[in-house]
Amino acid sequence: MILSELWRLYETDKRIQGFSPSKLKAYALQLKMLVRETGENSMQMYIHIAFVIPTRASS
């Protein structure tokens, strides 16, 4: 999954739940800093391991 798409889905979900725009901006900044530090490929591998594999296993 592409991180930018994952972020859009997460942000939309949190807006629906009533999170403030400033909190979402802070989350976006933290994500950008994490990606800059670890690299896009590392983050995509983590997301695949943490979210995609368990979803497939439970199906």
N, C-alpha and C. Protein backbone atom coordinates (compact mmCIF):
# COMPACT_ATOMS: atom_id res chain seq x y z
N MET A 1 0.85 -1.18 0.00
CA MET A 1 0.00 0.00 0.00
C MET A 1 0.89 1.24 0.00
N ILE A 2 0.49 2.24 -0.74
CA ILE A 2 1.24 3.48 -0.83
C ILE A 2 0.93 4.33 0.40
N LEU A 3 1.97 4.87 1.01
CA LEU A 3 1.79 5.62 2.26
C LEU A 3 0.87 6.82 2.09
N SER A 4 0.98 7.53 0.98
CA SER A 4 0.12 8.71 0.80
C SER A 4 -1.36 8.31 0.76
N GLU A 5 -1.66 7.17 0.15
CA GLU A 5 -3.05 6.70 0.13
C GLU A 5 -3.49 6.26 1.52
N LEU A 6 -2.61 5.56 2.22
CA LEU A 6 -2.92 5.14 3.58
C LEU A 6 -3.19 6.35 4.47
N TRP A 7 -2.37 7.39 4.32
CA TRP A 7 -2.57 8.59 5.12
C TRP A 7 -3.93 9.23 4.81
N ARG A 8 -4.29 9.31 3.54
CA ARG A 8 -5.59 9.91 3.18
C ARG A 8 -6.74 9.13 3.82
N LEU A 9 -6.66 7.82 3.80
CA LEU A 9 -7.71 7.00 4.41
C LEU A 9 -7.76 7.22 5.93
N TYR A 10 -6.59 7.23 6.55
CA TYR A 10 -6.51 7.45 8.00
C TYR A 10 -7.05 8.83 8.36
N GLU A 11 -6.61 9.84 7.61
CA GLU A 11 -7.05 11.21 7.90
C GLU A 11 -8.57 11.36 7.76
N THR A 12 -9.12 10.78 6.71
CA THR A 12 -10.56 10.83 6.51
C THR A 12 -11.29 10.17 7.67
N ASP A 13 -10.82 9.02 8.09
CA ASP A 13 -11.43 8.31 9.22
C ASP A 13 -11.38 9.15 10.48
N LYS A 14 -10.24 9.78 10.75
CA LYS A 14 -10.10 10.56 11.97
C LYS A 14 -10.92 11.85 11.93
N ARG A 15 -11.07 12.44 10.73
CA ARG A 15 -11.95 13.62 10.60
C ARG A 15 -13.39 13.24 10.94
N ILE A 16 -13.82 12.09 10.45
CA ILE A 16 -15.17 11.62 10.74
C ILE A 16 -15.35 11.41 12.24
N GLN A 17 -14.29 10.95 12.91
CA GLN A 17 -14.34 10.71 14.35
C GLN A 17 -14.23 12.00 15.16
N GLY A 18 -13.97 13.13 14.48
CA GLY A 18 -13.97 14.42 15.16
C GLY A 18 -12.61 14.93 15.59
N PHE A 19 -11.53 14.35 15.08
CA PHE A 19 -10.21 14.87 15.41
C PHE A 19 -10.06 16.28 14.86
N SER A 20 -9.37 17.14 15.59
CA SER A 20 -9.19 18.52 15.15
C SER A 20 -8.19 18.61 14.00
N PRO A 21 -8.35 19.61 13.14
CA PRO A 21 -7.40 19.81 12.04
C PRO A 21 -5.96 19.99 12.53
N SER A 22 -5.78 20.65 13.66
CA SER A 22 -4.42 20.85 14.17
C SER A 22 -3.79 19.53 14.62
N LYS A 23 -4.57 18.65 15.19
CA LYS A 23 -4.06 17.33 15.59
C LYS A 23 -3.67 16.52 14.36
N LEU A 24 -4.49 16.58 13.31
CA LEU A 24 -4.19 15.86 12.08
C LEU A 24 -2.95 16.42 11.39
N LYS A 25 -2.76 17.74 11.46
CA LYS A 25 -1.54 18.34 10.91
C LYS A 25 -0.32 17.85 11.67
N ALA A 26 -0.44 17.74 12.98
CA ALA A 26 0.67 17.25 13.79
C ALA A 26 0.99 15.80 13.43
N TYR A 27 -0.04 14.99 13.24
CA TYR A 27 0.17 13.59 12.83
C TYR A 27 0.85 13.52 11.47
N ALA A 28 0.42 14.38 10.53
CA ALA A 28 1.02 14.39 9.20
C ALA A 28 2.49 14.77 9.28
N LEU A 29 2.82 15.74 10.11
CA LEU A 29 4.21 16.15 10.28
C LEU A 29 5.04 15.00 10.87
N GLN A 30 4.50 14.31 11.85
CA GLN A 30 5.22 13.18 12.44
C GLN A 30 5.45 12.07 11.42
N LEU A 31 4.46 11.82 10.57
CA LEU A 31 4.62 10.81 9.53
C LEU A 31 5.71 11.22 8.53
N LYS A 32 5.70 12.49 8.12
CA LYS A 32 6.73 12.98 7.19
C LYS A 32 8.13 12.83 7.78
N MET A 33 8.26 13.17 9.06
CA MET A 33 9.57 13.05 9.71
C MET A 33 10.00 11.59 9.80
N LEU A 34 9.08 10.69 10.10
CA LEU A 34 9.39 9.27 10.20
C LEU A 34 9.82 8.71 8.85
N VAL A 35 9.09 9.08 7.80
CA VAL A 35 9.43 8.61 6.45
C VAL A 35 10.79 9.17 6.04
N ARG A 36 11.05 10.44 6.34
CA ARG A 36 12.34 11.04 6.00
C ARG A 36 13.48 10.31 6.72
N GLU A 37 13.25 9.92 7.95
CA GLU A 37 14.29 9.26 8.74
C GLU A 37 14.51 7.81 8.33
N THR A 38 13.43 7.09 8.08
CA THR A 38 13.55 5.65 7.81
C THR A 38 13.51 5.30 6.34
N GLY A 39 12.93 6.16 5.54
CA GLY A 39 12.80 5.88 4.11
C GLY A 39 11.44 5.30 3.78
N GLU A 40 10.97 5.63 2.60
CA GLU A 40 9.64 5.19 2.14
C GLU A 40 9.56 3.67 2.07
N ASN A 41 10.59 3.02 1.56
CA ASN A 41 10.54 1.56 1.41
C ASN A 41 10.44 0.86 2.75
N SER A 42 11.16 1.34 3.75
CA SER A 42 11.08 0.74 5.09
C SER A 42 9.67 0.85 5.65
N MET A 43 9.06 2.00 5.48
CA MET A 43 7.71 2.19 6.01
C MET A 43 6.71 1.31 5.27
N GLN A 44 6.85 1.16 3.96
CA GLN A 44 5.93 0.31 3.22
C GLN A 44 6.08 -1.15 3.66
N MET A 45 7.30 -1.59 3.94
CA MET A 45 7.51 -2.95 4.41
C MET A 45 6.84 -3.14 5.77
N TYR A 46 6.99 -2.18 6.67
CA TYR A 46 6.37 -2.26 7.99
C TYR A 46 4.85 -2.35 7.86
N ILE A 47 4.28 -1.50 7.02
CA ILE A 47 2.83 -1.50 6.85
C ILE A 47 2.36 -2.84 6.31
N HIS A 48 3.09 -3.39 5.37
CA HIS A 48 2.72 -4.69 4.79
C HIS A 48 2.74 -5.77 5.88
N ILE A 49 3.79 -5.78 6.68
CA ILE A 49 3.91 -6.79 7.74
C ILE A 49 2.85 -6.58 8.81
N ALA A 50 2.63 -5.35 9.22
CA ALA A 50 1.73 -5.07 10.33
C ALA A 50 0.25 -5.16 9.98
N PHE A 51 -0.11 -4.82 8.74
CA PHE A 51 -1.53 -4.71 8.42
C PHE A 51 -2.01 -5.67 7.34
N VAL A 52 -1.24 -5.87 6.31
CA VAL A 52 -1.70 -6.67 5.18
C VAL A 52 -1.63 -8.16 5.49
N ILE A 53 -0.52 -8.62 6.01
CA ILE A 53 -0.36 -10.05 6.28
C ILE A 53 -1.39 -10.55 7.31
N PRO A 54 -1.59 -9.87 8.46
CA PRO A 54 -2.61 -10.38 9.40
C PRO A 54 -4.01 -10.40 8.80
N THR A 55 -4.32 -9.43 7.95
CA THR A 55 -5.64 -9.39 7.31
C THR A 55 -5.84 -10.62 6.43
N ARG A 56 -4.81 -10.96 5.68
CA ARG A 56 -4.91 -12.15 4.82
C ARG A 56 -5.01 -13.43 5.64
N ALA A 57 -4.30 -13.49 6.74
CA ALA A 57 -4.30 -14.69 7.57
C ALA A 57 -5.65 -14.94 8.22
N SER A 58 -6.37 -13.86 8.54
CA SER A 58 -7.65 -14.02 9.22
C SER A 58 -8.80 -14.29 8.26
N SER A 59 -8.54 -14.19 6.96
CA SER A 59 -9.62 -14.41 5.96
C SER A 59 -9.94 -15.87 5.78
